[in-house]
Amino acid sequence: MSAAQRSISQRLTKAKSAEAKAATAHSWATEWMSEQDGLLRELRSAVERDDRQRMLSVVDGLQAMSSKRHGALHKVLDALLLFEAGDGA
């Protein structure tokens, strides 16, 4: 399984130092923003074309992506905070 296919929890577990964990979390957040920006561009395009079917599809995609990422956000915070507190060392 490539690094991009691993869950954020798996990637954070593999990162051993605080710096590596921080870099992994920042990379994950950048991926999130890129994915969200792409969906928002698609939504804008669908609105400009008055393509209601595509609008609904993109909104569904945004909802699914947001739900997945927000769920993982708790795991990211736990991994970083527990490591910082010394529990993850």
Protein backbone atom coordinates (compact mmCIF):
# COMPACT_ATOMS: atom_id res chain seq x y z
CA MET A 1 0.00 0.00 0.00
CA SER A 2 1.47 3.38 -0.97
CA ALA A 3 1.79 6.17 1.59
CA ALA A 4 -0.99 8.12 -0.13
CA GLN A 5 -3.35 5.17 0.30
CA ARG A 6 -2.68 4.78 4.03
CA SER A 7 -5.05 6.38 6.49
CA ILE A 8 -3.83 9.44 8.34
CA SER A 9 -3.74 7.36 11.53
CA GLN A 10 -1.43 4.83 9.86
CA ARG A 11 0.81 7.59 8.50
CA LEU A 12 1.03 9.28 11.91
CA THR A 13 1.84 5.98 13.63
CA LYS A 14 4.66 5.37 11.16
CA ALA A 15 6.08 8.87 11.74
CA LYS A 16 8.26 8.54 14.85
CA SER A 17 9.47 12.06 15.66
CA ALA A 18 7.39 15.12 16.50
CA GLU A 19 8.72 16.79 13.35
CA ALA A 20 7.72 13.86 11.18
CA LYS A 21 4.26 13.75 12.74
CA ALA A 22 3.82 17.51 12.21
CA ALA A 23 4.96 17.23 8.57
CA THR A 24 2.55 14.33 8.03
CA ALA A 25 -0.34 16.29 9.55
CA HIS A 26 0.47 19.38 7.47
CA SER A 27 0.64 17.29 4.30
CA TRP A 28 -2.73 15.71 5.13
CA ALA A 29 -4.27 19.16 5.70
CA THR A 30 -2.86 20.39 2.38
CA GLU A 31 -4.37 17.35 0.62
CA TRP A 32 -7.72 18.15 2.26
CA MET A 33 -7.62 21.76 1.09
CA SER A 34 -6.63 20.73 -2.44
CA GLU A 35 -9.46 18.19 -2.64
CA GLN A 36 -11.96 20.70 -1.28
CA ASP A 37 -10.79 23.45 -3.65
CA GLY A 38 -11.19 21.10 -6.61
CA LEU A 39 -14.74 20.24 -5.62
CA LEU A 40 -15.57 23.91 -5.12
CA ARG A 41 -14.23 24.72 -8.60
CA GLU A 42 -16.42 21.94 -9.99
CA LEU A 43 -19.41 23.34 -8.12
CA ARG A 44 -18.79 26.86 -9.44
CA SER A 45 -18.55 25.49 -12.98
CA ALA A 46 -21.81 23.57 -12.55
CA VAL A 47 -23.53 26.70 -11.22
CA GLU A 48 -22.27 28.77 -14.15
CA ARG A 49 -23.68 26.16 -16.56
CA ASP A 50 -26.87 25.82 -14.49
CA ASP A 51 -26.20 22.07 -14.37
CA ARG A 52 -28.35 21.04 -11.41
CA GLN A 53 -27.48 17.36 -11.69
CA ARG A 54 -23.76 18.12 -11.45
CA MET A 55 -24.35 20.61 -8.61
CA LEU A 56 -26.07 17.92 -6.56
CA SER A 57 -23.34 15.42 -7.36
CA VAL A 58 -20.58 17.82 -6.28
CA VAL A 59 -22.44 18.78 -3.11
CA ASP A 60 -22.73 15.07 -2.28
CA GLY A 61 -18.99 14.73 -2.88
CA LEU A 62 -18.25 17.71 -0.65
CA GLN A 63 -20.43 16.29 2.09
CA ALA A 64 -18.77 12.86 1.92
CA MET A 65 -15.26 14.31 1.82
CA SER A 66 -15.96 16.71 4.68
CA SER A 67 -17.47 13.99 6.84
CA LYS A 68 -14.49 11.68 6.23
CA ARG A 69 -11.90 14.38 6.89
CA HIS A 70 -13.63 15.80 9.97
CA GLY A 71 -13.84 12.29 11.41
CA ALA A 72 -10.12 11.82 10.83
CA LEU A 73 -9.32 15.25 12.29
CA HIS A 74 -10.03 13.95 15.79
CA LYS A 75 -7.53 11.13 15.23
CA VAL A 76 -4.92 13.60 13.98
CA LEU A 77 -5.34 15.81 17.01
CA ASP A 78 -5.22 12.84 19.38
CA ALA A 79 -2.06 11.48 17.75
CA LEU A 80 -0.27 14.83 17.91
CA LEU A 81 -1.39 15.75 21.42
CA LEU A 82 -0.73 12.32 22.90
CA PHE A 83 2.72 12.25 21.34
CA GLU A 84 3.46 15.72 22.67
CA ALA A 85 2.31 14.70 26.15
CA GLY A 86 4.72 11.78 26.03
CA ASP A 87 2.08 9.07 25.75
CA GLY A 88 2.91 8.35 22.12
CA ALA A 89 6.68 8.27 22.43
